[in-house]
Amino acid sequence: MNRKISSKMQIGVLLVPGLLIFGIFTIYPIAKLFVMSFFKWDFGSIFEQPFIGLQNYREVLTDKYFRTAFVNSIVYTLVTVPAQMILGLLIAMLVNSIHKMQIGFRVVYYLPVITSWVIASLVFKYTFNTEGLLNYFLTNVIRLTGENIRWLDTRWGGLSVAMLLGTWKGIGWNMVVFLAALQTCPQELYEVASIDGAGSIRKFFSVTLPCIRGTILFALVMLTIGGFNVFTSIKMITNGDPGHETDTVLTWMYYKAFSTGKFGYSAALSFIIAVVLAILAALQFRLMRNKDQN
C-alpha cells in the first residue's frame, strides 16, 4: 500500500512542472485572450478596458476585409491541401517502390520542408516580382512576351504564388508521412491481390488507400489547420497588397493587432477561426469514420 502511494507521489511530482508550464504558457494565454475578446482593448484604452460584450465578434463578422481574408484562407487551403497530399502520396509510392538511393531521394524531397519560410518566400518574391527572374526569362531569354507580367500586383496572382510556395514546401512532409504508412502495409495483401488478378490501379484503391486511411485523415486535419494558419509567405511576398486583397485570416489578425492596436478585435477573430477549424476537423473525422463503417 505504501509502495503504491509512493509511486503516485512520484508520478505527481514528475507531472507538476509540466502542468505548470502548460498552464502558464498555454492555458492562461488562451483564457486571457478569450476575456480580451469581450472588452475594448486597444491603444486608446490601455489603462481602462470597458466591457463591450459581443461587439468585437459583430465587428469581425461584418468586416468586409475579414470576409476577403477568410475567403483567401479557404481558397489557399482548398488548393494547397489536396495538391500536397496527392503529390506527396505519389512521390512516396515511387520512393517506396525503389531500393537503391531511397534515402537520397527522401532527403532531396524533404529539403524544402526544412528550408526557412522567410528565405523561401523572399526567393519566390524575387522570382515572381515585376522585375524578377521569371519575367527576365520570359521577356529576354525566350522572348515569349514583350512586357513584364505583374504577378504580385493582383489578388489572385499574389495568392497563386503563395499557394505554389505552400505546395512546394509541404510535399516533402507528406512524402515522409505517407512513406512511413506505406511501409507498414502488409505485403500479403498485395500478394493476394496479385493472385486475384488485380492491377496496379485496383491494388491502389483496394489495398493501399484502406491501409493508409488513418494517415490520410491525420494529414488532412493537420494540413487544413496549417492552411488557415498561413502567415509568413503572405507577409513576405505580398504583405496583403494590393489593398489587403491578399490578406489571410492570420495576416489580417496581425495587422489589426499590431498596426491598428485593436487587440480585442484580434482576440475575437482568433476564437472565430478556432471554432471554424474545430468544426472542420469534426466533419473530417466524421466523414472518414463513415467511410470506414461503409
C-alpha atoms as a PDB file:
ATOM      1  CA  MET A   1       0.000   0.000   0.000  1.00  0.00           C
ATOM      2  CA  ASN A   2       2.757   2.409   0.958  1.00  0.00           C
ATOM      3  CA  ARG A   3       4.589   1.480  -2.214  1.00  0.00           C
ATOM      4  CA  LYS A   4       1.512   2.424  -4.312  1.00  0.00           C
ATOM      5  CA  ILE A   5       1.199   5.787  -2.530  1.00  0.00           C
ATOM      6  CA  SER A   6       4.905   6.462  -3.043  1.00  0.00           C
ATOM      7  CA  SER A   7       4.582   5.619  -6.740  1.00  0.00           C
ATOM      8  CA  LYS A   8       1.625   8.007  -7.142  1.00  0.00           C
ATOM      9  CA  MET A   9       3.546  10.755  -5.359  1.00  0.00           C
ATOM     10  CA  GLN A  10       6.496  10.279  -7.710  1.00  0.00           C
ATOM     11  CA  ILE A  11       4.173  10.494 -10.707  1.00  0.00           C
ATOM     12  CA  GLY A  12       2.608  13.650  -9.280  1.00  0.00           C
ATOM     13  CA  VAL A  13       5.991  15.272  -8.688  1.00  0.00           C
ATOM     14  CA  LEU A  14       7.006  14.497 -12.281  1.00  0.00           C
ATOM     15  CA  LEU A  15       3.743  15.897 -13.666  1.00  0.00           C
ATOM     16  CA  VAL A  16       3.688  19.158 -11.710  1.00  0.00           C
ATOM     17  CA  PRO A  17       6.477  21.006 -13.625  1.00  0.00           C
ATOM     18  CA  GLY A  18       4.998  20.094 -16.989  1.00  0.00           C
ATOM     19  CA  LEU A  19       1.477  21.040 -15.919  1.00  0.00           C
ATOM     20  CA  LEU A  20       2.714  24.372 -14.524  1.00  0.00           C
ATOM     21  CA  ILE A  21       4.498  25.233 -17.762  1.00  0.00           C
ATOM     22  CA  PHE A  22       1.458  24.146 -19.805  1.00  0.00           C
ATOM     23  CA  GLY A  23      -0.863  26.195 -17.616  1.00  0.00           C
ATOM     24  CA  ILE A  24       1.290  29.338 -17.609  1.00  0.00           C
ATOM     25  CA  PHE A  25       2.243  29.391 -21.291  1.00  0.00           C
ATOM     26  CA  THR A  26      -0.818  27.747 -22.882  1.00  0.00           C
ATOM     27  CA  ILE A  27      -3.964  27.704 -20.737  1.00  0.00           C
ATOM     28  CA  TYR A  28      -3.546  31.169 -19.216  1.00  0.00           C
ATOM     29  CA  PRO A  29      -2.852  32.972 -22.554  1.00  0.00           C
ATOM     30  CA  ILE A  30      -5.884  31.290 -24.139  1.00  0.00           C
ATOM     31  CA  ALA A  31      -8.102  32.236 -21.196  1.00  0.00           C
ATOM     32  CA  LYS A  32      -6.735  35.800 -21.191  1.00  0.00           C
ATOM     33  CA  LEU A  33      -7.321  36.086 -24.929  1.00  0.00           C
ATOM     34  CA  PHE A  34     -10.902  34.888 -24.505  1.00  0.00           C
ATOM     35  CA  VAL A  35     -11.522  37.527 -21.844  1.00  0.00           C
ATOM     36  CA  MET A  36      -9.956  40.226 -24.041  1.00  0.00           C
ATOM     37  CA  SER A  37     -12.395  39.422 -26.839  1.00  0.00           C
ATOM     38  CA  PHE A  38     -15.253  40.851 -24.741  1.00  0.00           C
ATOM     39  CA  PHE A  39     -13.509  44.140 -23.912  1.00  0.00           C
ATOM     40  CA  LYS A  40     -12.485  47.230 -25.843  1.00  0.00           C
ATOM     41  CA  TRP A  41      -8.763  46.544 -25.722  1.00  0.00           C
ATOM     42  CA  ASP A  42      -6.761  48.871 -27.953  1.00  0.00           C
ATOM     43  CA  PHE A  43      -4.122  51.605 -27.875  1.00  0.00           C
ATOM     44  CA  GLY A  44      -6.739  54.125 -26.789  1.00  0.00           C
ATOM     45  CA  SER A  45      -7.823  52.114 -23.749  1.00  0.00           C
ATOM     46  CA  ILE A  46      -4.588  50.790 -22.299  1.00  0.00           C
ATOM     47  CA  PHE A  47      -5.392  51.806 -18.713  1.00  0.00           C
ATOM     48  CA  GLU A  48      -9.130  51.209 -18.867  1.00  0.00           C
ATOM     49  CA  GLN A  49     -10.771  48.478 -20.900  1.00  0.00           C
ATOM     50  CA  PRO A  50     -14.573  48.822 -20.922  1.00  0.00           C
ATOM     51  CA  PHE A  51     -16.684  45.693 -21.289  1.00  0.00           C
ATOM     52  CA  ILE A  52     -18.439  45.673 -24.695  1.00  0.00           C
ATOM     53  CA  GLY A  53     -19.825  42.131 -24.825  1.00  0.00           C
ATOM     54  CA  LEU A  54     -20.088  40.638 -28.313  1.00  0.00           C
ATOM     55  CA  GLN A  55     -19.307  43.865 -30.148  1.00  0.00           C
ATOM     56  CA  ASN A  56     -15.855  42.652 -31.211  1.00  0.00           C
ATOM     57  CA  TYR A  57     -17.380  39.494 -32.666  1.00  0.00           C
ATOM     58  CA  ARG A  58     -20.022  41.508 -34.538  1.00  0.00           C
ATOM     59  CA  GLU A  59     -17.340  43.835 -35.872  1.00  0.00           C
ATOM     60  CA  VAL A  60     -15.303  40.907 -37.155  1.00  0.00           C
ATOM     61  CA  LEU A  61     -18.254  39.207 -38.860  1.00  0.00           C
ATOM     62  CA  THR A  62     -19.390  42.432 -40.555  1.00  0.00           C
ATOM     63  CA  ASP A  63     -15.895  43.475 -41.657  1.00  0.00           C
ATOM     64  CA  LYS A  64     -15.513  43.172 -45.452  1.00  0.00           C
ATOM     65  CA  TYR A  65     -11.744  42.846 -45.126  1.00  0.00           C
ATOM     66  CA  PHE A  66     -12.166  39.891 -42.790  1.00  0.00           C
ATOM     67  CA  ARG A  67     -14.516  38.241 -45.281  1.00  0.00           C
ATOM     68  CA  THR A  68     -11.929  38.734 -48.024  1.00  0.00           C
ATOM     69  CA  ALA A  69      -9.189  37.288 -45.801  1.00  0.00           C
ATOM     70  CA  PHE A  70     -11.432  34.363 -44.839  1.00  0.00           C
ATOM     71  CA  VAL A  71     -12.197  33.549 -48.487  1.00  0.00           C
ATOM     72  CA  ASN A  72      -8.484  33.783 -49.299  1.00  0.00           C
ATOM     73  CA  SER A  73      -7.706  31.318 -46.498  1.00  0.00           C
ATOM     74  CA  ILE A  74     -10.364  28.904 -47.738  1.00  0.00           C
ATOM     75  CA  VAL A  75      -9.052  29.096 -51.318  1.00  0.00           C
ATOM     76  CA  TYR A  76      -5.471  28.659 -50.121  1.00  0.00           C
ATOM     77  CA  THR A  77      -6.471  25.586 -48.098  1.00  0.00           C
ATOM     78  CA  LEU A  78      -8.625  24.046 -50.853  1.00  0.00           C
ATOM     79  CA  VAL A  79      -5.772  24.343 -53.349  1.00  0.00           C
ATOM     80  CA  THR A  80      -2.682  23.518 -51.286  1.00  0.00           C
ATOM     81  CA  VAL A  81      -4.026  20.678 -49.132  1.00  0.00           C
ATOM     82  CA  PRO A  82      -5.115  18.332 -51.967  1.00  0.00           C
ATOM     83  CA  ALA A  83      -2.054  19.272 -54.030  1.00  0.00           C
ATOM     84  CA  GLN A  84       0.348  18.480 -51.182  1.00  0.00           C
ATOM     85  CA  MET A  85      -1.383  15.207 -50.318  1.00  0.00           C
ATOM     86  CA  ILE A  86      -1.691  13.924 -53.888  1.00  0.00           C
ATOM     87  CA  LEU A  87       1.851  14.820 -54.900  1.00  0.00           C
ATOM     88  CA  GLY A  88       3.266  13.663 -51.555  1.00  0.00           C
ATOM     89  CA  LEU A  89       1.493  10.300 -51.825  1.00  0.00           C
ATOM     90  CA  LEU A  90       2.580   9.862 -55.436  1.00  0.00           C
ATOM     91  CA  ILE A  91       6.236  10.551 -54.598  1.00  0.00           C
ATOM     92  CA  ALA A  92       6.011   8.315 -51.514  1.00  0.00           C
ATOM     93  CA  MET A  93       4.768   5.429 -53.651  1.00  0.00           C
ATOM     94  CA  LEU A  94       7.554   5.988 -56.186  1.00  0.00           C
ATOM     95  CA  VAL A  95      10.231   6.153 -53.493  1.00  0.00           C
ATOM     96  CA  ASN A  96       8.773   3.106 -51.729  1.00  0.00           C
ATOM     97  CA  SER A  97       8.973   1.091 -54.944  1.00  0.00           C
ATOM     98  CA  ILE A  98      12.742   1.565 -55.358  1.00  0.00           C
ATOM     99  CA  HIS A  99      15.539   0.123 -53.263  1.00  0.00           C
ATOM    100  CA  LYS A 100      18.635   1.947 -54.457  1.00  0.00           C
ATOM    101  CA  MET A 101      19.209   5.554 -53.358  1.00  0.00           C
ATOM    102  CA  GLN A 102      15.907   5.617 -51.442  1.00  0.00           C
ATOM    103  CA  ILE A 103      17.449   7.622 -48.597  1.00  0.00           C
ATOM    104  CA  GLY A 104      18.915  10.099 -51.088  1.00  0.00           C
ATOM    105  CA  PHE A 105      15.512  10.724 -52.693  1.00  0.00           C
ATOM    106  CA  ARG A 106      13.905  11.153 -49.279  1.00  0.00           C
ATOM    107  CA  VAL A 107      16.496  13.761 -48.331  1.00  0.00           C
ATOM    108  CA  VAL A 108      16.118  15.656 -51.606  1.00  0.00           C
ATOM    109  CA  TYR A 109      12.331  15.851 -51.384  1.00  0.00           C
ATOM    110  CA  TYR A 110      12.425  16.745 -47.681  1.00  0.00           C
ATOM    111  CA  LEU A 111      14.862  19.652 -48.090  1.00  0.00           C
ATOM    112  CA  PRO A 112      12.113  22.220 -48.890  1.00  0.00           C
ATOM    113  CA  VAL A 113      10.416  21.349 -45.587  1.00  0.00           C
ATOM    114  CA  ILE A 114      13.421  22.389 -43.508  1.00  0.00           C
ATOM    115  CA  THR A 115      14.124  25.442 -45.668  1.00  0.00           C
ATOM    116  CA  SER A 116      13.347  28.698 -43.870  1.00  0.00           C
ATOM    117  CA  TRP A 117       9.918  30.123 -44.737  1.00  0.00           C
ATOM    118  CA  VAL A 118      11.427  33.612 -44.819  1.00  0.00           C
ATOM    119  CA  ILE A 119      14.212  32.678 -47.216  1.00  0.00           C
ATOM    120  CA  ALA A 120      11.888  30.651 -49.465  1.00  0.00           C
ATOM    121  CA  SER A 121       9.344  33.484 -49.514  1.00  0.00           C
ATOM    122  CA  LEU A 122      11.999  36.036 -50.472  1.00  0.00           C
ATOM    123  CA  VAL A 123      13.244  33.770 -53.275  1.00  0.00           C
ATOM    124  CA  PHE A 124       9.705  33.381 -54.640  1.00  0.00           C
ATOM    125  CA  LYS A 125       9.102  37.120 -54.303  1.00  0.00           C
ATOM    126  CA  TYR A 126      12.272  37.878 -56.248  1.00  0.00           C
ATOM    127  CA  THR A 127      11.409  35.265 -58.874  1.00  0.00           C
ATOM    128  CA  PHE A 128       7.847  36.495 -59.483  1.00  0.00           C
ATOM    129  CA  ASN A 129       8.494  40.200 -58.992  1.00  0.00           C
ATOM    130  CA  THR A 130       7.706  42.540 -61.899  1.00  0.00           C
ATOM    131  CA  GLU A 131      11.443  42.980 -62.487  1.00  0.00           C
ATOM    132  CA  GLY A 132      12.231  39.488 -61.264  1.00  0.00           C
ATOM    133  CA  LEU A 133      13.900  36.412 -62.657  1.00  0.00           C
ATOM    134  CA  LEU A 134      10.811  34.856 -64.263  1.00  0.00           C
ATOM    135  CA  ASN A 135       9.904  37.990 -66.207  1.00  0.00           C
ATOM    136  CA  TYR A 136      13.520  38.336 -67.331  1.00  0.00           C
ATOM    137  CA  PHE A 137      13.433  34.767 -68.622  1.00  0.00           C
ATOM    138  CA  LEU A 138      10.104  35.296 -70.437  1.00  0.00           C
ATOM    139  CA  THR A 139      10.983  38.648 -71.993  1.00  0.00           C
ATOM    140  CA  ASN A 140      14.732  38.429 -72.665  1.00  0.00           C
ATOM    141  CA  VAL A 141      15.615  34.738 -72.938  1.00  0.00           C
ATOM    142  CA  ILE A 142      12.755  33.003 -74.739  1.00  0.00           C
ATOM    143  CA  ARG A 143      11.003  36.272 -75.715  1.00  0.00           C
ATOM    144  CA  LEU A 144       7.534  34.855 -75.026  1.00  0.00           C
ATOM    145  CA  THR A 145       6.182  38.283 -74.117  1.00  0.00           C
ATOM    146  CA  GLY A 146       7.245  41.837 -74.812  1.00  0.00           C
ATOM    147  CA  GLU A 147       6.433  43.297 -71.385  1.00  0.00           C
ATOM    148  CA  ASN A 148       6.772  42.194 -67.791  1.00  0.00           C
ATOM    149  CA  ILE A 149       3.856  40.377 -66.181  1.00  0.00           C
ATOM    150  CA  ARG A 150       2.758  41.837 -62.852  1.00  0.00           C
ATOM    151  CA  TRP A 151       2.405  38.536 -61.000  1.00  0.00           C
ATOM    152  CA  LEU A 152       2.192  40.002 -57.485  1.00  0.00           C
ATOM    153  CA  ASP A 153       0.092  43.093 -58.197  1.00  0.00           C
ATOM    154  CA  THR A 154      -3.287  41.342 -58.313  1.00  0.00           C
ATOM    155  CA  ARG A 155      -5.229  39.422 -55.715  1.00  0.00           C
ATOM    156  CA  TRP A 156      -5.229  36.028 -57.396  1.00  0.00           C
ATOM    157  CA  GLY A 157      -1.751  36.473 -58.820  1.00  0.00           C
ATOM    158  CA  GLY A 158      -0.235  37.055 -55.386  1.00  0.00           C
ATOM    159  CA  LEU A 159      -2.255  34.245 -53.813  1.00  0.00           C
ATOM    160  CA  SER A 160      -1.250  31.859 -56.602  1.00  0.00           C
ATOM    161  CA  VAL A 161       2.433  32.482 -55.906  1.00  0.00           C
ATOM    162  CA  ALA A 162       1.865  31.899 -52.167  1.00  0.00           C
ATOM    163  CA  MET A 163      -0.076  28.705 -52.927  1.00  0.00           C
ATOM    164  CA  LEU A 164       2.708  27.487 -55.195  1.00  0.00           C
ATOM    165  CA  LEU A 165       5.216  28.066 -52.405  1.00  0.00           C
ATOM    166  CA  GLY A 166       2.996  26.368 -49.829  1.00  0.00           C
ATOM    167  CA  THR A 167       2.559  23.311 -52.029  1.00  0.00           C
ATOM    168  CA  TRP A 168       6.283  23.076 -52.786  1.00  0.00           C
ATOM    169  CA  LYS A 169       7.147  23.361 -49.095  1.00  0.00           C
ATOM    170  CA  GLY A 170       4.636  20.720 -47.993  1.00  0.00           C
ATOM    171  CA  ILE A 171       5.222  17.912 -50.481  1.00  0.00           C
ATOM    172  CA  GLY A 172       8.236  16.559 -48.598  1.00  0.00           C
ATOM    173  CA  TRP A 173       6.387  16.377 -45.269  1.00  0.00           C
ATOM    174  CA  ASN A 174       3.528  14.457 -46.870  1.00  0.00           C
ATOM    175  CA  MET A 175       6.006  12.186 -48.627  1.00  0.00           C
ATOM    176  CA  VAL A 176       7.650  11.200 -45.340  1.00  0.00           C
ATOM    177  CA  VAL A 177       4.329  10.667 -43.550  1.00  0.00           C
ATOM    178  CA  PHE A 178       2.830   8.581 -46.349  1.00  0.00           C
ATOM    179  CA  LEU A 179       6.061   6.651 -46.886  1.00  0.00           C
ATOM    180  CA  ALA A 180       6.030   5.578 -43.246  1.00  0.00           C
ATOM    181  CA  ALA A 181       2.399   4.477 -43.623  1.00  0.00           C
ATOM    182  CA  LEU A 182       3.080   2.574 -46.859  1.00  0.00           C
ATOM    183  CA  GLN A 183       5.917   0.623 -45.248  1.00  0.00           C
ATOM    184  CA  THR A 184       3.502  -0.703 -42.604  1.00  0.00           C
ATOM    185  CA  CYS A 185       1.050  -2.117 -45.157  1.00  0.00           C
ATOM    186  CA  PRO A 186       1.144  -5.961 -45.076  1.00  0.00           C
ATOM    187  CA  GLN A 187       2.758  -7.318 -48.221  1.00  0.00           C
ATOM    188  CA  GLU A 188       0.489 -10.368 -48.008  1.00  0.00           C
ATOM    189  CA  LEU A 189      -2.446  -8.211 -49.087  1.00  0.00           C
ATOM    190  CA  TYR A 190      -0.645  -7.187 -52.268  1.00  0.00           C
ATOM    191  CA  GLU A 191       0.281 -10.832 -52.953  1.00  0.00           C
ATOM    192  CA  VAL A 192      -3.335 -11.930 -52.553  1.00  0.00           C
ATOM    193  CA  ALA A 193      -4.468  -9.086 -54.823  1.00  0.00           C
ATOM    194  CA  SER A 194      -1.934 -10.189 -57.453  1.00  0.00           C
ATOM    195  CA  ILE A 195      -3.198 -13.764 -57.281  1.00  0.00           C
ATOM    196  CA  ASP A 196      -6.727 -12.458 -57.835  1.00  0.00           C
ATOM    197  CA  GLY A 197      -5.502 -10.681 -60.959  1.00  0.00           C
ATOM    198  CA  ALA A 198      -5.674  -7.111 -59.618  1.00  0.00           C
ATOM    199  CA  GLY A 199      -3.665  -4.495 -61.476  1.00  0.00           C
ATOM    200  CA  SER A 200      -1.769  -1.550 -60.055  1.00  0.00           C
ATOM    201  CA  ILE A 201      -4.785   0.767 -60.025  1.00  0.00           C
ATOM    202  CA  ARG A 202      -7.011  -1.845 -58.370  1.00  0.00           C
ATOM    203  CA  LYS A 203      -4.342  -2.538 -55.739  1.00  0.00           C
ATOM    204  CA  PHE A 204      -4.091   1.172 -55.023  1.00  0.00           C
ATOM    205  CA  PHE A 205      -7.803   1.629 -54.368  1.00  0.00           C
ATOM    206  CA  SER A 206      -8.466  -1.754 -52.745  1.00  0.00           C
ATOM    207  CA  VAL A 207      -5.309  -2.233 -50.683  1.00  0.00           C
ATOM    208  CA  THR A 208      -3.191   0.911 -50.377  1.00  0.00           C
ATOM    209  CA  LEU A 209      -5.869   3.505 -49.632  1.00  0.00           C
ATOM    210  CA  PRO A 210      -7.683   1.426 -46.947  1.00  0.00           C
ATOM    211  CA  CYS A 211      -4.321   0.618 -45.360  1.00  0.00           C
ATOM    212  CA  ILE A 212      -3.277   4.278 -45.003  1.00  0.00           C
ATOM    213  CA  ARG A 213      -6.738   5.741 -44.289  1.00  0.00           C
ATOM    214  CA  GLY A 214      -5.743   6.816 -40.781  1.00  0.00           C
ATOM    215  CA  THR A 215      -2.643   8.582 -42.093  1.00  0.00           C
ATOM    216  CA  ILE A 216      -4.721  10.350 -44.733  1.00  0.00           C
ATOM    217  CA  LEU A 217      -7.057  11.659 -42.023  1.00  0.00           C
ATOM    218  CA  PHE A 218      -4.112  12.806 -39.907  1.00  0.00           C
ATOM    219  CA  ALA A 219      -2.513  14.628 -42.848  1.00  0.00           C
ATOM    220  CA  LEU A 220      -5.843  16.157 -43.884  1.00  0.00           C
ATOM    221  CA  VAL A 221      -6.554  17.616 -40.439  1.00  0.00           C
ATOM    222  CA  MET A 222      -3.009  18.888 -39.904  1.00  0.00           C
ATOM    223  CA  LEU A 223      -2.769  20.454 -43.363  1.00  0.00           C
ATOM    224  CA  THR A 224      -6.179  22.108 -43.019  1.00  0.00           C
ATOM    225  CA  ILE A 225      -5.086  23.742 -39.781  1.00  0.00           C
ATOM    226  CA  GLY A 226      -1.812  24.730 -41.431  1.00  0.00           C
ATOM    227  CA  GLY A 227      -3.636  26.190 -44.420  1.00  0.00           C
ATOM    228  CA  PHE A 228      -5.679  28.512 -42.224  1.00  0.00           C
ATOM    229  CA  ASN A 229      -2.529  29.441 -40.302  1.00  0.00           C
ATOM    230  CA  VAL A 230      -0.568  30.583 -43.355  1.00  0.00           C
ATOM    231  CA  PHE A 231       1.258  33.781 -42.441  1.00  0.00           C
ATOM    232  CA  THR A 232       4.930  34.102 -43.350  1.00  0.00           C
ATOM    233  CA  SER A 233       4.593  33.565 -47.108  1.00  0.00           C
ATOM    234  CA  ILE A 234       1.749  36.087 -47.447  1.00  0.00           C
ATOM    235  CA  LYS A 235       3.503  38.594 -45.187  1.00  0.00           C
ATOM    236  CA  MET A 236       6.801  38.356 -47.054  1.00  0.00           C
ATOM    237  CA  ILE A 237       5.525  38.050 -50.636  1.00  0.00           C
ATOM    238  CA  THR A 238       2.544  40.441 -50.821  1.00  0.00           C
ATOM    239  CA  ASN A 239       2.112  41.887 -47.301  1.00  0.00           C
ATOM    240  CA  GLY A 240      -1.622  41.858 -48.030  1.00  0.00           C
ATOM    241  CA  ASP A 241      -1.319  44.143 -51.058  1.00  0.00           C
ATOM    242  CA  PRO A 242      -2.987  45.408 -53.104  1.00  0.00           C
ATOM    243  CA  GLY A 243      -5.334  46.981 -50.563  1.00  0.00           C
ATOM    244  CA  HIS A 244      -5.471  43.955 -48.215  1.00  0.00           C
ATOM    245  CA  GLU A 245      -6.855  41.822 -51.057  1.00  0.00           C
ATOM    246  CA  THR A 246      -4.284  39.068 -50.491  1.00  0.00           C
ATOM    247  CA  ASP A 247      -4.542  39.005 -46.699  1.00  0.00           C
ATOM    248  CA  THR A 248      -5.392  35.734 -44.967  1.00  0.00           C
ATOM    249  CA  VAL A 249      -7.023  35.484 -41.556  1.00  0.00           C
ATOM    250  CA  LEU A 250      -3.678  35.376 -39.768  1.00  0.00           C
ATOM    251  CA  THR A 251      -2.093  38.313 -41.599  1.00  0.00           C
ATOM    252  CA  TRP A 252      -5.296  40.344 -41.152  1.00  0.00           C
ATOM    253  CA  MET A 253      -5.322  39.490 -37.450  1.00  0.00           C
ATOM    254  CA  TYR A 254      -1.691  40.583 -37.170  1.00  0.00           C
ATOM    255  CA  TYR A 255      -2.444  43.849 -38.974  1.00  0.00           C
ATOM    256  CA  LYS A 256      -5.419  44.671 -36.763  1.00  0.00           C
ATOM    257  CA  ALA A 257      -3.489  43.887 -33.576  1.00  0.00           C
ATOM    258  CA  PHE A 258      -0.112  45.490 -34.214  1.00  0.00           C
ATOM    259  CA  SER A 259      -0.862  48.150 -36.838  1.00  0.00           C
ATOM    260  CA  THR A 260      -4.222  49.466 -35.619  1.00  0.00           C
ATOM    261  CA  GLY A 261      -3.933  48.338 -31.995  1.00  0.00           C
ATOM    262  CA  LYS A 262      -7.319  46.567 -31.906  1.00  0.00           C
ATOM    263  CA  PHE A 263      -6.364  43.651 -29.681  1.00  0.00           C
ATOM    264  CA  GLY A 264      -9.950  42.913 -28.673  1.00  0.00           C
ATOM    265  CA  TYR A 265     -10.936  42.613 -32.331  1.00  0.00           C
ATOM    266  CA  SER A 266      -7.982  40.285 -32.998  1.00  0.00           C
ATOM    267  CA  ALA A 267      -8.833  38.160 -29.966  1.00  0.00           C
ATOM    268  CA  ALA A 268     -12.405  37.722 -31.185  1.00  0.00           C
ATOM    269  CA  LEU A 269     -11.149  36.878 -34.671  1.00  0.00           C
ATOM    270  CA  SER A 270      -8.825  34.204 -33.293  1.00  0.00           C
ATOM    271  CA  PHE A 271     -11.665  32.430 -31.487  1.00  0.00           C
ATOM    272  CA  ILE A 272     -13.918  32.590 -34.535  1.00  0.00           C
ATOM    273  CA  ILE A 273     -11.212  30.864 -36.565  1.00  0.00           C
ATOM    274  CA  ALA A 274     -10.664  28.333 -33.763  1.00  0.00           C
ATOM    275  CA  VAL A 275     -14.364  27.419 -33.863  1.00  0.00           C
ATOM    276  CA  VAL A 276     -14.276  27.117 -37.664  1.00  0.00           C
ATOM    277  CA  LEU A 277     -11.239  24.817 -37.516  1.00  0.00           C
ATOM    278  CA  ALA A 278     -12.836  22.698 -34.782  1.00  0.00           C
ATOM    279  CA  ILE A 279     -15.959  22.251 -36.912  1.00  0.00           C
ATOM    280  CA  LEU A 280     -13.889  21.365 -39.990  1.00  0.00           C
ATOM    281  CA  ALA A 281     -11.842  18.817 -38.028  1.00  0.00           C
ATOM    282  CA  ALA A 282     -15.020  17.238 -36.595  1.00  0.00           C
ATOM    283  CA  LEU A 283     -16.542  16.986 -40.083  1.00  0.00           C
ATOM    284  CA  GLN A 284     -13.375  15.403 -41.447  1.00  0.00           C
ATOM    285  CA  PHE A 285     -13.302  12.826 -38.640  1.00  0.00           C
ATOM    286  CA  ARG A 286     -16.999  12.025 -39.160  1.00  0.00           C
ATOM    287  CA  LEU A 287     -16.541  11.688 -42.921  1.00  0.00           C
ATOM    288  CA  MET A 288     -13.609   9.303 -42.574  1.00  0.00           C
ATOM    289  CA  ARG A 289     -15.396   7.317 -39.853  1.00  0.00           C
ATOM    290  CA  ASN A 290     -18.478   6.898 -42.051  1.00  0.00           C
ATOM    291  CA  LYS A 291     -16.270   5.647 -44.887  1.00  0.00           C
ATOM    292  CA  ASP A 292     -14.673   3.124 -42.521  1.00  0.00           C
ATOM    293  CA  GLN A 293     -18.104   1.863 -41.445  1.00  0.00           C
ATOM    294  CA  ASN A 294     -19.215   1.513 -45.057  1.00  0.00           C
END
